[in-house]
Amino acid sequence: MKKKTEGLRLKSCRRPLNYETGFTLMELVMVIVILGVLSVSAYMAMPDTDLRLAAAAGDFKQAVRHAQHLAITREYTTAAAAWGISTNSNHYTIKRADDSATAETEYVNQSLSGGKTISNGTVWFNGLGEPVDPASGNPLAADTTFTIGATRVMTVYAQTGFIE
């Protein structure tokens, strides 16, 4: 008697040697090109100017807080000894109201990051960190505002000296 398997041939599971798996060079190049196009379009859609404006506003806020810190820690005795920040077009300087002293060099005639402009103005602080009138030494009755760029308004509040 013959076995049933004698007449059956088993097929080989092996693939021919000339057949290889993977991606072709053309497919890889096309994927890289498509990723490049997508990344450029995403970069162009990012609000670059808003980021620069936010950076300039952050720099200015830090400078105002530094002026306030100097007023609190460096012998405020009279209104003329008030520390503050003075701005003109695109520069700011931290100094005393009577020009007898200035802050560290990184706060003298400093420009805002990103080349942003700032409105002209000054704000002075007493030993408690409150905004004051440098002539009389009395606390300010109204808030002081600075405009960075064309749209970002920074407010120094009269009662507390807080800036936002």
C-alpha atoms as a PDB file:
ATOM      1  CA  MET A   1       0.000   0.000   0.000  1.00  0.00           C
ATOM      2  CA  LYS A   2       1.175   3.436  -0.876  1.00  0.00           C
ATOM      3  CA  LYS A   3       1.212   6.195   1.617  1.00  0.00           C
ATOM      4  CA  LYS A   4      -1.036   9.089   0.813  1.00  0.00           C
ATOM      5  CA  THR A   5       1.771  11.639   1.085  1.00  0.00           C
ATOM      6  CA  GLU A   6       4.005  10.059  -1.483  1.00  0.00           C
ATOM      7  CA  GLY A   7       2.292  11.663  -4.411  1.00  0.00           C
ATOM      8  CA  LEU A   8       2.045  15.148  -2.860  1.00  0.00           C
ATOM      9  CA  ARG A   9       4.773  17.620  -3.306  1.00  0.00           C
ATOM     10  CA  LEU A  10       5.354  20.200  -0.630  1.00  0.00           C
ATOM     11  CA  LYS A  11       5.966  23.717  -1.854  1.00  0.00           C
ATOM     12  CA  SER A  12       8.977  25.519  -0.579  1.00  0.00           C
ATOM     13  CA  CYS A  13       8.324  28.570   1.601  1.00  0.00           C
ATOM     14  CA  ARG A  14      11.534  30.161   0.466  1.00  0.00           C
ATOM     15  CA  ARG A  15      11.445  33.153  -1.814  1.00  0.00           C
ATOM     16  CA  PRO A  16      13.685  33.469  -4.783  1.00  0.00           C
ATOM     17  CA  LEU A  17      17.079  34.992  -4.020  1.00  0.00           C
ATOM     18  CA  ASN A  18      16.566  37.984  -6.299  1.00  0.00           C
ATOM     19  CA  TYR A  19      13.448  39.230  -4.392  1.00  0.00           C
ATOM     20  CA  GLU A  20      14.259  41.650  -1.508  1.00  0.00           C
ATOM     21  CA  THR A  21      11.949  43.397   0.925  1.00  0.00           C
ATOM     22  CA  GLY A  22      12.056  47.081   1.908  1.00  0.00           C
ATOM     23  CA  PHE A  23      11.527  50.499   0.399  1.00  0.00           C
ATOM     24  CA  THR A  24      13.032  51.671  -2.824  1.00  0.00           C
ATOM     25  CA  LEU A  25      15.247  54.707  -2.945  1.00  0.00           C
ATOM     26  CA  MET A  26      12.565  56.604  -4.847  1.00  0.00           C
ATOM     27  CA  GLU A  27       9.991  55.957  -2.121  1.00  0.00           C
ATOM     28  CA  LEU A  28      12.362  57.191   0.569  1.00  0.00           C
ATOM     29  CA  VAL A  29      13.181  60.366  -1.398  1.00  0.00           C
ATOM     30  CA  MET A  30       9.481  61.099  -1.896  1.00  0.00           C
ATOM     31  CA  VAL A  31       8.778  60.742   1.828  1.00  0.00           C
ATOM     32  CA  ILE A  32      11.629  63.138   2.644  1.00  0.00           C
ATOM     33  CA  VAL A  33      10.345  65.671   0.092  1.00  0.00           C
ATOM     34  CA  ILE A  34       6.804  65.495   1.465  1.00  0.00           C
ATOM     35  CA  LEU A  35       8.062  65.941   5.055  1.00  0.00           C
ATOM     36  CA  GLY A  36      10.122  68.929   3.928  1.00  0.00           C
ATOM     37  CA  VAL A  37       7.136  70.600   2.287  1.00  0.00           C
ATOM     38  CA  LEU A  38       4.976  70.011   5.363  1.00  0.00           C
ATOM     39  CA  SER A  39       7.607  71.404   7.741  1.00  0.00           C
ATOM     40  CA  VAL A  40       8.101  74.548   5.640  1.00  0.00           C
ATOM     41  CA  SER A  41       4.363  75.181   5.508  1.00  0.00           C
ATOM     42  CA  ALA A  42       4.084  74.668   9.274  1.00  0.00           C
ATOM     43  CA  TYR A  43       6.984  77.058   9.889  1.00  0.00           C
ATOM     44  CA  MET A  44       5.423  79.720   7.678  1.00  0.00           C
ATOM     45  CA  ALA A  45       2.131  79.423   9.551  1.00  0.00           C
ATOM     46  CA  MET A  46       3.756  80.081  12.946  1.00  0.00           C
ATOM     47  CA  PRO A  47       3.147  83.563  14.385  1.00  0.00           C
ATOM     48  CA  ASP A  48       6.789  84.652  14.431  1.00  0.00           C
ATOM     49  CA  THR A  49       6.019  88.308  15.125  1.00  0.00           C
ATOM     50  CA  ASP A  50       3.865  87.415  18.125  1.00  0.00           C
ATOM     51  CA  LEU A  51       6.726  85.416  19.600  1.00  0.00           C
ATOM     52  CA  ARG A  52       9.150  88.308  19.170  1.00  0.00           C
ATOM     53  CA  LEU A  53       6.637  90.715  20.653  1.00  0.00           C
ATOM     54  CA  ALA A  54       6.120  88.434  23.642  1.00  0.00           C
ATOM     55  CA  ALA A  55       9.897  88.180  24.132  1.00  0.00           C
ATOM     56  CA  ALA A  56      10.278  91.977  24.017  1.00  0.00           C
ATOM     57  CA  ALA A  57       7.417  92.390  26.499  1.00  0.00           C
ATOM     58  CA  GLY A  58       9.015  89.841  28.813  1.00  0.00           C
ATOM     59  CA  ASP A  59      12.360  91.646  28.652  1.00  0.00           C
ATOM     60  CA  PHE A  60      10.725  94.972  29.457  1.00  0.00           C
ATOM     61  CA  LYS A  61       8.703  93.490  32.320  1.00  0.00           C
ATOM     62  CA  GLN A  62      11.889  92.053  33.802  1.00  0.00           C
ATOM     63  CA  ALA A  63      13.621  95.451  33.493  1.00  0.00           C
ATOM     64  CA  VAL A  64      10.761  97.260  35.268  1.00  0.00           C
ATOM     65  CA  ARG A  65      10.858  94.709  38.072  1.00  0.00           C
ATOM     66  CA  HIS A  66      14.613  95.194  38.356  1.00  0.00           C
ATOM     67  CA  ALA A  67      14.127  98.976  38.667  1.00  0.00           C
ATOM     68  CA  GLN A  68      11.553  98.340  41.373  1.00  0.00           C
ATOM     69  CA  HIS A  69      13.975  96.000  43.159  1.00  0.00           C
ATOM     70  CA  LEU A  70      16.704  98.660  43.076  1.00  0.00           C
ATOM     71  CA  ALA A  71      14.317 101.219  44.576  1.00  0.00           C
ATOM     72  CA  ILE A  72      13.487  98.864  47.430  1.00  0.00           C
ATOM     73  CA  THR A  73      17.063  97.807  48.184  1.00  0.00           C
ATOM     74  CA  ARG A  74      19.211 100.892  47.437  1.00  0.00           C
ATOM     75  CA  GLU A  75      18.641 103.683  49.931  1.00  0.00           C
ATOM     76  CA  TYR A  76      15.515 105.504  48.858  1.00  0.00           C
ATOM     77  CA  THR A  77      15.627 108.669  50.970  1.00  0.00           C
ATOM     78  CA  THR A  78      14.082 111.407  48.819  1.00  0.00           C
ATOM     79  CA  ALA A  79      12.028 111.647  45.651  1.00  0.00           C
ATOM     80  CA  ALA A  80      15.209 112.453  43.730  1.00  0.00           C
ATOM     81  CA  ALA A  81      16.703 109.150  44.900  1.00  0.00           C
ATOM     82  CA  ALA A  82      13.856 107.152  43.339  1.00  0.00           C
ATOM     83  CA  TRP A  83      14.895 104.406  40.954  1.00  0.00           C
ATOM     84  CA  GLY A  84      12.997 103.942  37.738  1.00  0.00           C
ATOM     85  CA  ILE A  85      12.995 103.193  34.068  1.00  0.00           C
ATOM     86  CA  SER A  86      13.066 105.741  31.273  1.00  0.00           C
ATOM     87  CA  THR A  87      12.176 104.781  27.705  1.00  0.00           C
ATOM     88  CA  ASN A  88      12.588 106.414  24.297  1.00  0.00           C
ATOM     89  CA  SER A  89      11.540 104.842  20.974  1.00  0.00           C
ATOM     90  CA  ASN A  90      13.379 101.510  21.211  1.00  0.00           C
ATOM     91  CA  HIS A  91      15.707 101.878  24.222  1.00  0.00           C
ATOM     92  CA  TYR A  92      15.321 101.917  27.972  1.00  0.00           C
ATOM     93  CA  THR A  93      17.590 102.879  30.864  1.00  0.00           C
ATOM     94  CA  ILE A  94      17.270 102.122  34.565  1.00  0.00           C
ATOM     95  CA  LYS A  95      18.550 105.016  36.653  1.00  0.00           C
ATOM     96  CA  ARG A  96      17.850 107.305  39.592  1.00  0.00           C
ATOM     97  CA  ALA A  97      15.426 110.175  39.045  1.00  0.00           C
ATOM     98  CA  ASP A  98      18.199 112.743  39.601  1.00  0.00           C
ATOM     99  CA  ASP A  99      20.569 110.921  37.179  1.00  0.00           C
ATOM    100  CA  SER A 100      23.098 110.419  39.987  1.00  0.00           C
ATOM    101  CA  ALA A 101      23.375 106.689  39.323  1.00  0.00           C
ATOM    102  CA  THR A 102      22.460 104.097  36.746  1.00  0.00           C
ATOM    103  CA  ALA A 103      21.902 100.389  36.986  1.00  0.00           C
ATOM    104  CA  GLU A 104      24.279  97.741  35.684  1.00  0.00           C
ATOM    105  CA  THR A 105      25.450  98.160  32.092  1.00  0.00           C
ATOM    106  CA  GLU A 106      22.957  95.629  30.733  1.00  0.00           C
ATOM    107  CA  TYR A 107      20.165  98.024  31.798  1.00  0.00           C
ATOM    108  CA  VAL A 108      21.625 101.227  30.344  1.00  0.00           C
ATOM    109  CA  ASN A 109      20.482 102.291  26.874  1.00  0.00           C
ATOM    110  CA  GLN A 110      19.251  98.756  26.279  1.00  0.00           C
ATOM    111  CA  SER A 111      17.181  97.921  23.221  1.00  0.00           C
ATOM    112  CA  LEU A 112      14.257  95.526  23.263  1.00  0.00           C
ATOM    113  CA  SER A 113      14.737  92.070  21.816  1.00  0.00           C
ATOM    114  CA  GLY A 114      13.585  91.575  18.241  1.00  0.00           C
ATOM    115  CA  GLY A 115      14.141  95.272  17.458  1.00  0.00           C
ATOM    116  CA  LYS A 116      10.689  96.173  18.828  1.00  0.00           C
ATOM    117  CA  THR A 117       9.859  99.781  19.648  1.00  0.00           C
ATOM    118  CA  ILE A 118       8.493 101.094  22.932  1.00  0.00           C
ATOM    119  CA  SER A 119       6.547 104.263  23.673  1.00  0.00           C
ATOM    120  CA  ASN A 120       8.347 107.103  25.420  1.00  0.00           C
ATOM    121  CA  GLY A 121       7.797 107.375  29.147  1.00  0.00           C
ATOM    122  CA  THR A 122       9.150 106.981  32.647  1.00  0.00           C
ATOM    123  CA  VAL A 123       8.116 105.362  35.870  1.00  0.00           C
ATOM    124  CA  TRP A 124       9.879 105.863  39.214  1.00  0.00           C
ATOM    125  CA  PHE A 125       9.607 103.755  42.376  1.00  0.00           C
ATOM    126  CA  ASN A 126       9.968 104.612  46.068  1.00  0.00           C
ATOM    127  CA  GLY A 127      11.467 102.397  48.774  1.00  0.00           C
ATOM    128  CA  LEU A 128       8.223 100.401  48.986  1.00  0.00           C
ATOM    129  CA  GLY A 129       8.206  99.659  45.275  1.00  0.00           C
ATOM    130  CA  GLU A 130       5.282 101.991  44.587  1.00  0.00           C
ATOM    131  CA  PRO A 131       5.312 104.226  41.496  1.00  0.00           C
ATOM    132  CA  VAL A 132       5.880 107.835  42.540  1.00  0.00           C
ATOM    133  CA  ASP A 133       6.127 111.324  41.113  1.00  0.00           C
ATOM    134  CA  PRO A 134       9.878 112.111  41.154  1.00  0.00           C
ATOM    135  CA  ALA A 135       9.281 115.811  41.847  1.00  0.00           C
ATOM    136  CA  SER A 136       7.119 115.414  44.954  1.00  0.00           C
ATOM    137  CA  GLY A 137       7.681 111.807  46.002  1.00  0.00           C
ATOM    138  CA  ASN A 138       3.920 111.276  46.235  1.00  0.00           C
ATOM    139  CA  PRO A 139       2.481 107.999  44.966  1.00  0.00           C
ATOM    140  CA  LEU A 140       0.993 108.197  41.482  1.00  0.00           C
ATOM    141  CA  ALA A 141      -2.779 108.473  41.175  1.00  0.00           C
ATOM    142  CA  ALA A 142      -2.990 106.807  37.751  1.00  0.00           C
ATOM    143  CA  ASP A 143      -1.478 103.738  36.128  1.00  0.00           C
ATOM    144  CA  THR A 144       1.469 104.140  33.751  1.00  0.00           C
ATOM    145  CA  THR A 145       1.304 102.404  30.376  1.00  0.00           C
ATOM    146  CA  PHE A 146       3.934 101.559  27.801  1.00  0.00           C
ATOM    147  CA  THR A 147       3.203 100.291  24.295  1.00  0.00           C
ATOM    148  CA  ILE A 148       5.583  97.740  22.816  1.00  0.00           C
ATOM    149  CA  GLY A 149       5.446  97.347  19.065  1.00  0.00           C
ATOM    150  CA  ALA A 150       2.111  98.593  17.828  1.00  0.00           C
ATOM    151  CA  THR A 151      -0.180  96.398  19.879  1.00  0.00           C
ATOM    152  CA  ARG A 152       1.227  95.174  23.208  1.00  0.00           C
ATOM    153  CA  VAL A 153       0.300  97.441  26.134  1.00  0.00           C
ATOM    154  CA  MET A 154       2.189  97.006  29.401  1.00  0.00           C
ATOM    155  CA  THR A 155       0.608  98.583  32.500  1.00  0.00           C
ATOM    156  CA  VAL A 156       2.393  99.517  35.728  1.00  0.00           C
ATOM    157  CA  TYR A 157      -0.314  99.800  38.366  1.00  0.00           C
ATOM    158  CA  ALA A 158      -0.190 102.924  40.529  1.00  0.00           C
ATOM    159  CA  GLN A 159      -1.044 101.357  43.878  1.00  0.00           C
ATOM    160  CA  THR A 160       1.257  98.331  43.760  1.00  0.00           C
ATOM    161  CA  GLY A 161       3.824  98.813  40.992  1.00  0.00           C
ATOM    162  CA  PHE A 162       2.774  95.466  39.526  1.00  0.00           C
ATOM    163  CA  ILE A 163       3.380  95.246  35.766  1.00  0.00           C
ATOM    164  CA  GLU A 164       1.462  93.168  33.259  1.00  0.00           C
END
